[in-house]
Amino acid sequence: MAVRLRQAVLVARDIDAVAESLRDELGLGAPFDADPYVSAFGLENRVFALGDQFLEVVSPVADGTTAGRRLERLGGDGGYMLLFQVEDLATVRKRAARAGVRVAWSLELPEISGMHLHPADLGGTIVSLDRPEPPESWHWAGPDWTGRAGTGAPGRLLGVTVAVPDPAATAAHWADVIGADPVPGVTFVAGDRGLVEVAVEVPAAVRRGRDGVEIGGVRFSLAA
């Protein structure tokens, strides 16, 4: 696929409590928690592998952070960011510029190149577009996924729901900027809270007959 949803991110005041809930409720393994880049955003994080996709929780450790402001706006924990894998980052950058969407951050490494699109311009939530090398790797998940495919917990990330004031207009805007119509794995609904739901497939023993569970202010719908 030219565009693929690869990671969903939550923001939490108590990162360890939410990380523990993710492990307990979704059958995840130990997270990667030594990302050298998140400190530049005034954050700490935990990244969990689910199949070859990822769930992350971040928390501010400094004043004046985007994550801290997000917690204040939400009045608590909630959705924060989505990361998509793309084949041609240069073309997406041109699309963003043409659509008037600012690049809030970018980084080029041998193992991955990525950029964050400004949520005020794109709408809905922060979006990161990333090109890993090789494609099955994911440098943001740590050494086990740098330059190669690691091993995640059984399951996969099926999709996400993003609540925005004008779902149709936002869906069209994302499609134009990202270059996929519709953007794979994303459903837009009416609202104003951004990322509100994550759908995951987990083993039946992990699902335990449940349709869903709330973790960190986000609903996780469960399929087996």
N, C-alpha and C. Protein backbone atom coordinates (compact mmCIF):
# COMPACT_ATOMS: atom_id res chain seq x y z
N MET A 1 0.83 -1.20 0.00
CA MET A 1 0.00 0.00 0.00
C MET A 1 0.86 1.25 0.00
N ALA A 2 0.43 2.27 -0.74
CA ALA A 2 1.18 3.52 -0.79
C ALA A 2 1.09 4.26 0.53
N VAL A 3 -0.04 4.14 1.24
CA VAL A 3 -0.23 4.79 2.54
C VAL A 3 -0.79 3.74 3.49
N ARG A 4 -0.22 3.69 4.71
CA ARG A 4 -0.69 2.70 5.69
C ARG A 4 -0.67 3.30 7.08
N LEU A 5 -1.75 3.11 7.82
CA LEU A 5 -1.78 3.51 9.23
C LEU A 5 -0.83 2.60 10.00
N ARG A 6 0.15 3.19 10.65
CA ARG A 6 1.17 2.39 11.33
C ARG A 6 1.14 2.54 12.85
N GLN A 7 0.66 3.70 13.36
CA GLN A 7 0.75 3.93 14.81
C GLN A 7 -0.32 4.92 15.27
N ALA A 8 -0.87 4.67 16.45
CA ALA A 8 -1.81 5.60 17.11
C ALA A 8 -1.24 5.97 18.47
N VAL A 9 -1.44 7.23 18.87
CA VAL A 9 -0.79 7.76 20.06
C VAL A 9 -1.83 8.39 21.00
N LEU A 10 -1.70 8.08 22.28
CA LEU A 10 -2.50 8.69 23.33
C LEU A 10 -1.64 9.66 24.12
N VAL A 11 -2.29 10.62 24.80
CA VAL A 11 -1.59 11.50 25.73
C VAL A 11 -2.21 11.30 27.11
N ALA A 12 -1.36 11.22 28.14
CA ALA A 12 -1.85 10.90 29.48
C ALA A 12 -1.08 11.66 30.54
N ARG A 13 -1.76 11.96 31.63
CA ARG A 13 -1.08 12.58 32.77
C ARG A 13 -0.22 11.56 33.50
N ASP A 14 -0.77 10.37 33.71
CA ASP A 14 -0.04 9.30 34.40
C ASP A 14 0.33 8.26 33.36
N ILE A 15 1.51 8.39 32.78
CA ILE A 15 1.90 7.55 31.66
C ILE A 15 2.01 6.08 32.06
N ASP A 16 2.50 5.82 33.25
CA ASP A 16 2.68 4.43 33.65
C ASP A 16 1.36 3.72 33.88
N ALA A 17 0.37 4.44 34.43
CA ALA A 17 -0.93 3.83 34.64
C ALA A 17 -1.59 3.47 33.31
N VAL A 18 -1.52 4.38 32.33
CA VAL A 18 -2.12 4.10 31.04
C VAL A 18 -1.35 3.01 30.30
N ALA A 19 -0.02 3.05 30.39
CA ALA A 19 0.78 2.00 29.76
C ALA A 19 0.45 0.63 30.35
N GLU A 20 0.27 0.57 31.64
CA GLU A 20 -0.07 -0.71 32.27
C GLU A 20 -1.45 -1.18 31.83
N SER A 21 -2.39 -0.26 31.68
CA SER A 21 -3.72 -0.63 31.19
C SER A 21 -3.65 -1.17 29.76
N LEU A 22 -2.86 -0.54 28.92
CA LEU A 22 -2.69 -1.05 27.56
C LEU A 22 -2.15 -2.47 27.56
N ARG A 23 -1.17 -2.73 28.41
CA ARG A 23 -0.60 -4.09 28.48
C ARG A 23 -1.65 -5.09 28.99
N ASP A 24 -2.33 -4.72 30.04
CA ASP A 24 -3.28 -5.65 30.66
C ASP A 24 -4.48 -5.92 29.76
N GLU A 25 -5.03 -4.88 29.14
CA GLU A 25 -6.27 -5.03 28.39
C GLU A 25 -6.06 -5.57 26.98
N LEU A 26 -4.88 -5.33 26.39
CA LEU A 26 -4.65 -5.71 24.99
C LEU A 26 -3.60 -6.79 24.83
N GLY A 27 -3.07 -7.30 25.92
CA GLY A 27 -2.10 -8.39 25.85
C GLY A 27 -0.78 -8.00 25.22
N LEU A 28 -0.33 -6.78 25.49
CA LEU A 28 0.90 -6.27 24.88
C LEU A 28 2.12 -6.66 25.68
N GLY A 29 3.26 -6.64 25.03
CA GLY A 29 4.52 -6.92 25.70
C GLY A 29 5.11 -5.67 26.31
N ALA A 30 6.38 -5.74 26.69
CA ALA A 30 7.05 -4.59 27.29
C ALA A 30 7.24 -3.49 26.25
N PRO A 31 7.08 -2.21 26.64
CA PRO A 31 7.22 -1.12 25.68
C PRO A 31 8.67 -0.69 25.50
N PHE A 32 8.92 -0.01 24.39
CA PHE A 32 10.18 0.71 24.19
C PHE A 32 10.00 2.08 24.83
N ASP A 33 10.91 2.45 25.75
CA ASP A 33 10.74 3.70 26.50
C ASP A 33 12.01 4.52 26.55
N ALA A 34 12.86 4.38 25.52
CA ALA A 34 14.12 5.12 25.52
C ALA A 34 14.30 5.90 24.22
N ASP A 35 13.23 6.49 23.71
CA ASP A 35 13.28 7.26 22.49
C ASP A 35 14.07 8.55 22.73
N PRO A 36 15.19 8.75 22.02
CA PRO A 36 16.00 9.95 22.27
C PRO A 36 15.41 11.22 21.67
N TYR A 37 14.35 11.10 20.87
CA TYR A 37 13.82 12.26 20.17
C TYR A 37 12.67 12.94 20.90
N VAL A 38 11.93 12.20 21.72
CA VAL A 38 10.74 12.80 22.33
C VAL A 38 11.08 13.88 23.35
N SER A 39 12.28 13.84 23.90
CA SER A 39 12.66 14.87 24.87
C SER A 39 12.67 16.26 24.24
N ALA A 40 12.88 16.32 22.92
CA ALA A 40 12.85 17.61 22.22
C ALA A 40 11.46 18.23 22.26
N PHE A 41 10.43 17.41 22.46
CA PHE A 41 9.07 17.89 22.57
C PHE A 41 8.64 18.06 24.02
N GLY A 42 9.56 17.82 24.97
CA GLY A 42 9.22 17.91 26.38
C GLY A 42 8.37 16.75 26.85
N LEU A 43 8.60 15.56 26.27
CA LEU A 43 7.77 14.40 26.55
C LEU A 43 8.60 13.20 27.01
N GLU A 44 7.91 12.24 27.62
CA GLU A 44 8.39 10.88 27.73
C GLU A 44 7.35 10.00 27.06
N ASN A 45 7.75 8.78 26.66
CA ASN A 45 6.80 7.95 25.94
C ASN A 45 7.03 6.46 26.21
N ARG A 46 6.02 5.68 25.82
CA ARG A 46 6.08 4.22 25.83
C ARG A 46 5.48 3.76 24.51
N VAL A 47 6.20 2.92 23.76
CA VAL A 47 5.75 2.45 22.46
C VAL A 47 5.59 0.94 22.51
N PHE A 48 4.38 0.46 22.19
CA PHE A 48 4.07 -0.96 22.20
C PHE A 48 3.88 -1.46 20.76
N ALA A 49 4.40 -2.63 20.48
CA ALA A 49 4.21 -3.25 19.16
C ALA A 49 3.02 -4.19 19.21
N LEU A 50 2.12 -4.03 18.23
CA LEU A 50 0.97 -4.91 18.05
C LEU A 50 1.06 -5.42 16.62
N GLY A 51 1.50 -6.68 16.45
CA GLY A 51 1.84 -7.14 15.12
C GLY A 51 3.00 -6.31 14.62
N ASP A 52 2.85 -5.70 13.42
CA ASP A 52 3.89 -4.79 12.93
C ASP A 52 3.40 -3.34 12.94
N GLN A 53 2.42 -3.07 13.83
CA GLN A 53 1.93 -1.71 14.05
C GLN A 53 2.12 -1.36 15.52
N PHE A 54 1.75 -0.12 15.88
CA PHE A 54 2.19 0.36 17.18
C PHE A 54 1.14 1.22 17.88
N LEU A 55 1.15 1.11 19.20
CA LEU A 55 0.38 1.98 20.08
C LEU A 55 1.36 2.67 21.01
N GLU A 56 1.16 3.96 21.21
CA GLU A 56 2.09 4.76 22.01
C GLU A 56 1.30 5.61 22.99
N VAL A 57 1.88 5.85 24.14
CA VAL A 57 1.35 6.83 25.08
C VAL A 57 2.46 7.80 25.41
N VAL A 58 2.14 9.10 25.41
CA VAL A 58 3.11 10.14 25.73
C VAL A 58 2.59 10.94 26.90
N SER A 59 3.52 11.61 27.60
CA SER A 59 3.16 12.45 28.73
C SER A 59 4.15 13.59 28.83
N PRO A 60 3.70 14.81 29.12
CA PRO A 60 4.64 15.93 29.22
C PRO A 60 5.50 15.86 30.47
N VAL A 61 6.76 16.23 30.31
CA VAL A 61 7.68 16.31 31.45
C VAL A 61 8.27 17.72 31.55
N ALA A 62 7.73 18.65 30.78
CA ALA A 62 8.16 20.05 30.79
C ALA A 62 6.94 20.93 30.63
N ASP A 63 7.10 22.20 30.95
CA ASP A 63 6.01 23.16 30.80
C ASP A 63 5.91 23.61 29.34
N GLY A 64 4.71 24.05 28.95
CA GLY A 64 4.53 24.67 27.65
C GLY A 64 4.58 23.73 26.47
N THR A 65 4.23 22.46 26.67
CA THR A 65 4.28 21.50 25.58
C THR A 65 2.93 21.41 24.86
N THR A 66 2.98 20.95 23.61
CA THR A 66 1.75 20.68 22.87
C THR A 66 0.92 19.62 23.57
N ALA A 67 1.60 18.60 24.10
CA ALA A 67 0.89 17.53 24.81
C ALA A 67 0.21 18.06 26.06
N GLY A 68 0.88 18.94 26.78
CA GLY A 68 0.28 19.52 27.98
C GLY A 68 -0.95 20.34 27.65
N ARG A 69 -0.87 21.12 26.57
CA ARG A 69 -2.03 21.91 26.15
C ARG A 69 -3.17 21.01 25.71
N ARG A 70 -2.85 19.89 25.10
CA ARG A 70 -3.88 18.94 24.69
C ARG A 70 -4.59 18.37 25.92
N LEU A 71 -3.86 18.02 26.94
CA LEU A 71 -4.46 17.52 28.18
C LEU A 71 -5.40 18.57 28.78
N GLU A 72 -4.98 19.82 28.76
CA GLU A 72 -5.82 20.88 29.30
C GLU A 72 -7.11 21.05 28.50
N ARG A 73 -7.00 21.02 27.17
CA ARG A 73 -8.19 21.18 26.34
C ARG A 73 -9.17 20.03 26.53
N LEU A 74 -8.64 18.83 26.67
CA LEU A 74 -9.50 17.66 26.84
C LEU A 74 -10.04 17.55 28.26
N GLY A 75 -9.35 18.15 29.21
CA GLY A 75 -9.71 17.98 30.61
C GLY A 75 -9.30 16.63 31.15
N GLY A 76 -8.31 16.01 30.51
CA GLY A 76 -7.84 14.68 30.93
C GLY A 76 -7.18 13.97 29.77
N ASP A 77 -6.96 12.68 29.93
CA ASP A 77 -6.29 11.88 28.92
C ASP A 77 -7.12 11.78 27.64
N GLY A 78 -6.45 11.46 26.52
CA GLY A 78 -7.19 11.30 25.27
C GLY A 78 -6.27 10.97 24.11
N GLY A 79 -6.83 11.09 22.91
CA GLY A 79 -6.06 10.83 21.70
C GLY A 79 -5.13 11.99 21.39
N TYR A 80 -4.02 11.69 20.71
CA TYR A 80 -3.01 12.72 20.49
C TYR A 80 -2.49 12.80 19.05
N MET A 81 -2.24 11.64 18.42
CA MET A 81 -1.48 11.69 17.17
C MET A 81 -1.67 10.40 16.38
N LEU A 82 -1.51 10.49 15.05
CA LEU A 82 -1.52 9.32 14.18
C LEU A 82 -0.28 9.35 13.29
N LEU A 83 0.29 8.18 13.04
CA LEU A 83 1.46 8.06 12.18
C LEU A 83 1.13 7.14 11.01
N PHE A 84 1.42 7.63 9.80
CA PHE A 84 1.17 6.87 8.59
C PHE A 84 2.49 6.59 7.87
N GLN A 85 2.60 5.40 7.35
CA GLN A 85 3.74 5.05 6.52
C GLN A 85 3.41 5.41 5.07
N VAL A 86 4.33 6.11 4.41
CA VAL A 86 4.15 6.50 3.00
C VAL A 86 5.37 6.07 2.20
N GLU A 87 5.16 5.89 0.91
CA GLU A 87 6.26 5.49 0.03
C GLU A 87 7.06 6.68 -0.48
N ASP A 88 6.39 7.82 -0.67
CA ASP A 88 7.02 8.98 -1.30
C ASP A 88 6.80 10.20 -0.43
N LEU A 89 7.71 10.44 0.48
CA LEU A 89 7.56 11.55 1.42
C LEU A 89 7.71 12.90 0.73
N ALA A 90 8.57 12.97 -0.28
CA ALA A 90 8.79 14.24 -0.98
C ALA A 90 7.51 14.72 -1.66
N THR A 91 6.77 13.80 -2.26
CA THR A 91 5.54 14.18 -2.93
C THR A 91 4.49 14.65 -1.93
N VAL A 92 4.41 13.98 -0.77
CA VAL A 92 3.46 14.40 0.25
C VAL A 92 3.83 15.78 0.77
N ARG A 93 5.10 16.05 0.90
CA ARG A 93 5.53 17.38 1.36
C ARG A 93 5.07 18.46 0.37
N LYS A 94 5.16 18.17 -0.91
CA LYS A 94 4.70 19.12 -1.92
C LYS A 94 3.18 19.30 -1.85
N ARG A 95 2.47 18.20 -1.63
CA ARG A 95 1.02 18.29 -1.50
C ARG A 95 0.64 19.17 -0.31
N ALA A 96 1.33 18.97 0.81
CA ALA A 96 1.04 19.76 2.01
C ALA A 96 1.28 21.24 1.76
N ALA A 97 2.40 21.56 1.11
CA ALA A 97 2.71 22.96 0.83
C ALA A 97 1.66 23.58 -0.08
N ARG A 98 1.23 22.82 -1.08
CA ARG A 98 0.21 23.32 -2.01
C ARG A 98 -1.12 23.58 -1.31
N ALA A 99 -1.40 22.76 -0.30
CA ALA A 99 -2.67 22.89 0.43
C ALA A 99 -2.57 23.87 1.60
N GLY A 100 -1.39 24.47 1.80
CA GLY A 100 -1.22 25.42 2.88
C GLY A 100 -1.10 24.79 4.25
N VAL A 101 -0.65 23.54 4.29
CA VAL A 101 -0.47 22.83 5.56
C VAL A 101 1.00 22.91 5.97
N ARG A 102 1.24 23.49 7.12
CA ARG A 102 2.61 23.66 7.59
C ARG A 102 3.20 22.35 8.11
N VAL A 103 4.51 22.20 7.92
CA VAL A 103 5.26 21.10 8.51
C VAL A 103 5.79 21.58 9.85
N ALA A 104 5.32 20.96 10.93
CA ALA A 104 5.69 21.41 12.27
C ALA A 104 7.04 20.86 12.72
N TRP A 105 7.46 19.74 12.15
CA TRP A 105 8.72 19.09 12.54
C TRP A 105 9.09 18.08 11.48
N SER A 106 10.39 17.94 11.22
CA SER A 106 10.83 16.91 10.28
C SER A 106 12.20 16.40 10.69
N LEU A 107 12.51 15.18 10.27
CA LEU A 107 13.79 14.55 10.61
C LEU A 107 14.12 13.55 9.52
N GLU A 108 15.40 13.52 9.14
CA GLU A 108 15.87 12.56 8.14
C GLU A 108 16.98 11.73 8.76
N LEU A 109 16.75 10.42 8.84
CA LEU A 109 17.73 9.49 9.34
C LEU A 109 17.93 8.38 8.30
N PRO A 110 19.02 7.64 8.36
CA PRO A 110 19.19 6.54 7.41
C PRO A 110 18.05 5.51 7.49
N GLU A 111 17.51 5.30 8.71
CA GLU A 111 16.50 4.26 8.91
C GLU A 111 15.07 4.76 8.71
N ILE A 112 14.85 6.07 8.77
CA ILE A 112 13.50 6.60 8.63
C ILE A 112 13.55 8.10 8.37
N SER A 113 12.60 8.57 7.58
CA SER A 113 12.40 10.00 7.38
C SER A 113 10.95 10.29 7.74
N GLY A 114 10.72 11.43 8.39
CA GLY A 114 9.36 11.73 8.79
C GLY A 114 9.11 13.20 8.96
N MET A 115 7.83 13.56 8.98
CA MET A 115 7.45 14.95 9.23
C MET A 115 6.08 14.98 9.89
N HIS A 116 5.89 15.98 10.76
CA HIS A 116 4.62 16.19 11.44
C HIS A 116 3.89 17.34 10.76
N LEU A 117 2.62 17.12 10.45
CA LEU A 117 1.80 18.17 9.86
C LEU A 117 1.05 18.92 10.96
N HIS A 118 0.98 20.22 10.82
CA HIS A 118 0.37 21.06 11.85
C HIS A 118 -1.13 20.78 11.95
N PRO A 119 -1.62 20.41 13.14
CA PRO A 119 -3.04 20.06 13.26
C PRO A 119 -3.99 21.23 13.00
N ALA A 120 -3.54 22.46 13.22
CA ALA A 120 -4.40 23.61 12.95
C ALA A 120 -4.67 23.76 11.45
N ASP A 121 -3.75 23.28 10.62
CA ASP A 121 -3.90 23.36 9.17
C ASP A 121 -4.56 22.12 8.59
N LEU A 122 -4.23 20.95 9.14
CA LEU A 122 -4.77 19.70 8.60
C LEU A 122 -6.15 19.40 9.17
N GLY A 123 -6.32 19.65 10.48
CA GLY A 123 -7.57 19.36 11.16
C GLY A 123 -7.58 18.00 11.81
N GLY A 124 -8.23 17.92 12.98
CA GLY A 124 -8.44 16.63 13.63
C GLY A 124 -7.42 16.26 14.67
N THR A 125 -6.17 16.10 14.26
CA THR A 125 -5.13 15.67 15.19
C THR A 125 -3.77 15.88 14.54
N ILE A 126 -2.71 15.72 15.30
CA ILE A 126 -1.37 15.75 14.73
C ILE A 126 -1.21 14.52 13.85
N VAL A 127 -0.65 14.68 12.67
CA VAL A 127 -0.37 13.56 11.77
C VAL A 127 1.10 13.56 11.43
N SER A 128 1.71 12.39 11.58
CA SER A 128 3.10 12.20 11.15
C SER A 128 3.10 11.30 9.92
N LEU A 129 3.89 11.66 8.92
CA LEU A 129 4.05 10.87 7.72
C LEU A 129 5.50 10.40 7.67
N ASP A 130 5.69 9.09 7.55
CA ASP A 130 7.02 8.52 7.73
C ASP A 130 7.35 7.51 6.63
N ARG A 131 8.62 7.51 6.24
CA ARG A 131 9.10 6.54 5.25
C ARG A 131 10.24 5.73 5.87
N PRO A 132 9.95 4.51 6.35
CA PRO A 132 11.00 3.69 6.95
C PRO A 132 11.82 2.95 5.90
N GLU A 133 13.04 2.62 6.25
CA GLU A 133 13.92 1.87 5.37
C GLU A 133 14.63 0.77 6.17
N PRO A 134 14.33 -0.52 5.89
CA PRO A 134 13.40 -1.03 4.89
C PRO A 134 11.95 -0.81 5.33
N PRO A 135 10.98 -1.02 4.42
CA PRO A 135 9.58 -0.69 4.72
C PRO A 135 9.00 -1.42 5.92
N GLU A 136 9.47 -2.61 6.23
CA GLU A 136 8.92 -3.38 7.35
C GLU A 136 9.47 -2.91 8.70
N SER A 137 10.46 -2.05 8.70
CA SER A 137 11.05 -1.55 9.95
C SER A 137 10.25 -0.36 10.47
N TRP A 138 10.61 0.11 11.68
CA TRP A 138 9.94 1.28 12.28
C TRP A 138 10.85 1.79 13.38
N HIS A 139 11.73 2.70 13.03
CA HIS A 139 12.77 3.17 13.93
C HIS A 139 12.23 3.73 15.24
N TRP A 140 11.04 4.34 15.20
CA TRP A 140 10.47 4.95 16.40
C TRP A 140 10.15 3.92 17.49
N ALA A 141 10.13 2.64 17.14
CA ALA A 141 9.82 1.60 18.12
C ALA A 141 11.06 1.01 18.77
N GLY A 142 12.24 1.53 18.44
CA GLY A 142 13.44 1.10 19.14
C GLY A 142 14.33 0.14 18.37
N PRO A 143 15.38 -0.35 19.01
CA PRO A 143 16.39 -1.18 18.34
C PRO A 143 15.84 -2.42 17.67
N ASP A 144 14.82 -3.04 18.25
CA ASP A 144 14.27 -4.25 17.65
C ASP A 144 13.63 -4.00 16.30
N TRP A 145 13.28 -2.72 16.03
CA TRP A 145 12.60 -2.37 14.78
C TRP A 145 13.43 -1.44 13.91
N THR A 146 14.68 -1.20 14.25
CA THR A 146 15.53 -0.30 13.48
C THR A 146 16.28 -1.08 12.41
N GLY A 147 15.96 -0.78 11.15
CA GLY A 147 16.59 -1.46 10.04
C GLY A 147 16.09 -2.87 9.79
N ARG A 148 15.04 -3.27 10.49
CA ARG A 148 14.51 -4.62 10.33
C ARG A 148 13.12 -4.70 10.96
N ALA A 149 12.46 -5.82 10.74
CA ALA A 149 11.16 -6.05 11.36
C ALA A 149 11.35 -6.75 12.68
N GLY A 150 10.73 -6.22 13.73
CA GLY A 150 10.76 -6.86 15.02
C GLY A 150 9.57 -7.80 15.18
N THR A 151 9.26 -8.13 16.42
CA THR A 151 8.15 -9.02 16.73
C THR A 151 7.22 -8.34 17.72
N GLY A 152 5.97 -8.18 17.32
CA GLY A 152 5.00 -7.55 18.20
C GLY A 152 4.08 -8.55 18.84
N ALA A 153 3.25 -8.08 19.77
CA ALA A 153 2.23 -8.94 20.37
C ALA A 153 1.23 -9.36 19.29
N PRO A 154 0.56 -10.50 19.48
CA PRO A 154 -0.42 -10.94 18.48
C PRO A 154 -1.54 -9.92 18.32
N GLY A 155 -1.84 -9.59 17.07
CA GLY A 155 -2.92 -8.66 16.79
C GLY A 155 -2.54 -7.66 15.73
N ARG A 156 -3.43 -6.70 15.51
CA ARG A 156 -3.15 -5.63 14.54
C ARG A 156 -4.05 -4.44 14.80
N LEU A 157 -3.63 -3.32 14.28
CA LEU A 157 -4.37 -2.07 14.37
C LEU A 157 -5.29 -1.99 13.16
N LEU A 158 -6.61 -2.05 13.40
CA LEU A 158 -7.58 -2.09 12.31
C LEU A 158 -7.94 -0.72 11.77
N GLY A 159 -8.02 0.27 12.64
CA GLY A 159 -8.41 1.60 12.21
C GLY A 159 -8.64 2.53 13.37
N VAL A 160 -8.94 3.78 13.06
CA VAL A 160 -9.16 4.80 14.08
C VAL A 160 -10.36 5.65 13.69
N THR A 161 -10.95 6.29 14.69
CA THR A 161 -12.03 7.24 14.46
C THR A 161 -11.60 8.61 14.97
N VAL A 162 -11.78 9.62 14.13
CA VAL A 162 -11.38 10.99 14.45
C VAL A 162 -12.62 11.88 14.41
N ALA A 163 -12.89 12.57 15.52
CA ALA A 163 -14.06 13.43 15.63
C ALA A 163 -13.68 14.87 15.29
N VAL A 164 -14.33 15.43 14.28
CA VAL A 164 -14.06 16.78 13.79
C VAL A 164 -15.38 17.49 13.49
N PRO A 165 -15.38 18.84 13.47
CA PRO A 165 -16.63 19.57 13.23
C PRO A 165 -17.27 19.28 11.87
N ASP A 166 -16.44 19.10 10.83
CA ASP A 166 -16.96 18.86 9.48
C ASP A 166 -16.29 17.60 8.93
N PRO A 167 -16.85 16.42 9.18
CA PRO A 167 -16.19 15.18 8.77
C PRO A 167 -15.91 15.09 7.27
N ALA A 168 -16.87 15.47 6.43
CA ALA A 168 -16.69 15.33 4.99
C ALA A 168 -15.56 16.23 4.48
N ALA A 169 -15.53 17.47 4.95
CA ALA A 169 -14.49 18.40 4.49
C ALA A 169 -13.12 17.98 4.98
N THR A 170 -13.04 17.51 6.23
CA THR A 170 -11.75 17.08 6.77
C THR A 170 -11.26 15.83 6.06
N ALA A 171 -12.15 14.89 5.78
CA ALA A 171 -11.77 13.68 5.04
C ALA A 171 -11.20 14.03 3.67
N ALA A 172 -11.84 14.97 2.98
CA ALA A 172 -11.36 15.37 1.66
C ALA A 172 -10.02 16.08 1.76
N HIS A 173 -9.84 16.89 2.79
CA HIS A 173 -8.58 17.62 2.98
C HIS A 173 -7.43 16.65 3.26
N TRP A 174 -7.65 15.70 4.17
CA TRP A 174 -6.63 14.70 4.45
C TRP A 174 -6.28 13.91 3.18
N ALA A 175 -7.30 13.50 2.43
CA ALA A 175 -7.06 12.73 1.22
C ALA A 175 -6.21 13.52 0.23
N ASP A 176 -6.49 14.81 0.10
CA ASP A 176 -5.74 15.65 -0.83
C ASP A 176 -4.28 15.79 -0.40
N VAL A 177 -4.06 15.99 0.89
CA VAL A 177 -2.70 16.20 1.38
C VAL A 177 -1.90 14.90 1.40
N ILE A 178 -2.50 13.84 1.93
CA ILE A 178 -1.78 12.58 2.11
C ILE A 178 -1.68 11.80 0.80
N GLY A 179 -2.63 12.00 -0.09
CA GLY A 179 -2.56 11.34 -1.38
C GLY A 179 -3.23 10.00 -1.42
N ALA A 180 -4.26 9.80 -0.60
CA ALA A 180 -5.03 8.56 -0.60
C ALA A 180 -6.47 8.90 -0.28
N ASP A 181 -7.39 8.42 -1.08
CA ASP A 181 -8.80 8.75 -0.90
C ASP A 181 -9.63 7.47 -0.97
N PRO A 182 -10.16 7.03 0.21
CA PRO A 182 -9.99 7.63 1.53
C PRO A 182 -8.62 7.31 2.14
N VAL A 183 -8.26 8.03 3.18
CA VAL A 183 -7.03 7.71 3.90
C VAL A 183 -7.24 6.37 4.62
N PRO A 184 -6.39 5.39 4.37
CA PRO A 184 -6.62 4.04 4.91
C PRO A 184 -6.71 4.02 6.44
N GLY A 185 -7.74 3.35 6.93
CA GLY A 185 -7.88 3.12 8.36
C GLY A 185 -8.50 4.23 9.15
N VAL A 186 -8.94 5.32 8.50
CA VAL A 186 -9.45 6.48 9.24
C VAL A 186 -10.93 6.71 8.92
N THR A 187 -11.73 6.82 9.97
CA THR A 187 -13.13 7.19 9.85
C THR A 187 -13.33 8.51 10.58
N PHE A 188 -14.02 9.46 9.93
CA PHE A 188 -14.29 10.75 10.52
C PHE A 188 -15.75 10.82 10.96
N VAL A 189 -15.98 11.35 12.17
CA VAL A 189 -17.32 11.54 12.69
C VAL A 189 -17.44 12.96 13.23
N ALA A 190 -18.67 13.39 13.46
CA ALA A 190 -18.91 14.74 13.97
C ALA A 190 -18.49 14.85 15.43
N GLY A 191 -17.79 15.92 15.76
CA GLY A 191 -17.32 16.16 17.12
C GLY A 191 -16.14 17.09 17.09
N ASP A 192 -15.45 17.20 18.21
CA ASP A 192 -14.31 18.12 18.26
C ASP A 192 -13.15 17.60 19.10
N ARG A 193 -13.13 16.30 19.40
CA ARG A 193 -12.11 15.76 20.29
C ARG A 193 -10.97 15.05 19.58
N GLY A 194 -10.95 15.07 18.26
CA GLY A 194 -9.85 14.44 17.54
C GLY A 194 -9.93 12.92 17.62
N LEU A 195 -8.82 12.28 17.89
CA LEU A 195 -8.76 10.81 17.96
C LEU A 195 -9.57 10.33 19.16
N VAL A 196 -10.66 9.60 18.87
CA VAL A 196 -11.56 9.17 19.95
C VAL A 196 -11.68 7.66 20.05
N GLU A 197 -11.31 6.92 19.01
CA GLU A 197 -11.46 5.47 19.05
C GLU A 197 -10.37 4.79 18.23
N VAL A 198 -9.91 3.66 18.74
CA VAL A 198 -8.93 2.83 18.05
C VAL A 198 -9.50 1.42 17.98
N ALA A 199 -9.56 0.86 16.79
CA ALA A 199 -10.04 -0.52 16.61
C ALA A 199 -8.84 -1.44 16.47
N VAL A 200 -8.83 -2.50 17.28
CA VAL A 200 -7.72 -3.45 17.25
C VAL A 200 -8.25 -4.87 17.14
N GLU A 201 -7.46 -5.71 16.52
CA GLU A 201 -7.73 -7.15 16.50
C GLU A 201 -6.74 -7.80 17.47
N VAL A 202 -7.28 -8.57 18.39
CA VAL A 202 -6.45 -9.26 19.39
C VAL A 202 -6.92 -10.71 19.48
N PRO A 203 -6.11 -11.60 20.04
CA PRO A 203 -6.55 -12.99 20.19
C PRO A 203 -7.81 -13.08 21.06
N ALA A 204 -8.58 -14.14 20.83
CA ALA A 204 -9.82 -14.32 21.58
C ALA A 204 -9.57 -14.37 23.08
N ALA A 205 -8.43 -14.94 23.48
CA ALA A 205 -8.12 -15.03 24.91
C ALA A 205 -7.88 -13.65 25.51
N VAL A 206 -7.45 -12.72 24.70
CA VAL A 206 -7.23 -11.34 25.16
C VAL A 206 -8.55 -10.57 25.12
N ARG A 207 -9.32 -10.80 24.09
CA ARG A 207 -10.60 -10.08 23.96
C ARG A 207 -11.57 -10.47 25.08
N ARG A 208 -11.61 -11.74 25.41
CA ARG A 208 -12.46 -12.26 26.49
C ARG A 208 -13.94 -11.88 26.30
N GLY A 209 -14.40 -11.91 25.05
CA GLY A 209 -15.79 -11.65 24.75
C GLY A 209 -16.20 -10.20 24.80
N ARG A 210 -15.27 -9.30 25.04
CA ARG A 210 -15.60 -7.88 25.15
C ARG A 210 -15.67 -7.21 23.79
N ASP A 211 -16.55 -6.23 23.65
CA ASP A 211 -16.63 -5.44 22.43
C ASP A 211 -15.66 -4.26 22.46
N GLY A 212 -15.33 -3.81 23.66
CA GLY A 212 -14.44 -2.67 23.75
C GLY A 212 -14.09 -2.34 25.18
N VAL A 213 -13.13 -1.43 25.32
CA VAL A 213 -12.67 -1.00 26.64
C VAL A 213 -12.13 0.42 26.49
N GLU A 214 -12.27 1.24 27.51
CA GLU A 214 -11.70 2.59 27.47
C GLU A 214 -10.35 2.60 28.16
N ILE A 215 -9.37 3.15 27.47
CA ILE A 215 -8.01 3.27 28.01
C ILE A 215 -7.52 4.68 27.69
N GLY A 216 -7.07 5.40 28.70
CA GLY A 216 -6.50 6.71 28.47
C GLY A 216 -7.41 7.68 27.76
N GLY A 217 -8.72 7.62 28.04
CA GLY A 217 -9.66 8.54 27.45
C GLY A 217 -10.04 8.22 26.02
N VAL A 218 -9.64 7.05 25.52
CA VAL A 218 -9.95 6.62 24.15
C VAL A 218 -10.62 5.26 24.21
N ARG A 219 -11.65 5.07 23.41
CA ARG A 219 -12.30 3.76 23.34
C ARG A 219 -11.49 2.85 22.41
N PHE A 220 -11.20 1.66 22.89
CA PHE A 220 -10.59 0.63 22.06
C PHE A 220 -11.65 -0.41 21.73
N SER A 221 -12.08 -0.48 20.48
CA SER A 221 -13.01 -1.51 20.08
C SER A 221 -12.21 -2.76 19.74
N LEU A 222 -12.72 -3.91 20.18
CA LEU A 222 -11.96 -5.16 20.11
C LEU A 222 -12.59 -6.14 19.15
N ALA A 223 -11.78 -6.74 18.31
CA ALA A 223 -12.21 -7.81 17.42
C ALA A 223 -11.21 -8.95 17.56
N ALA A 224 -11.69 -10.17 17.35
CA ALA A 224 -10.81 -11.34 17.44
C ALA A 224 -10.83 -12.09 16.12
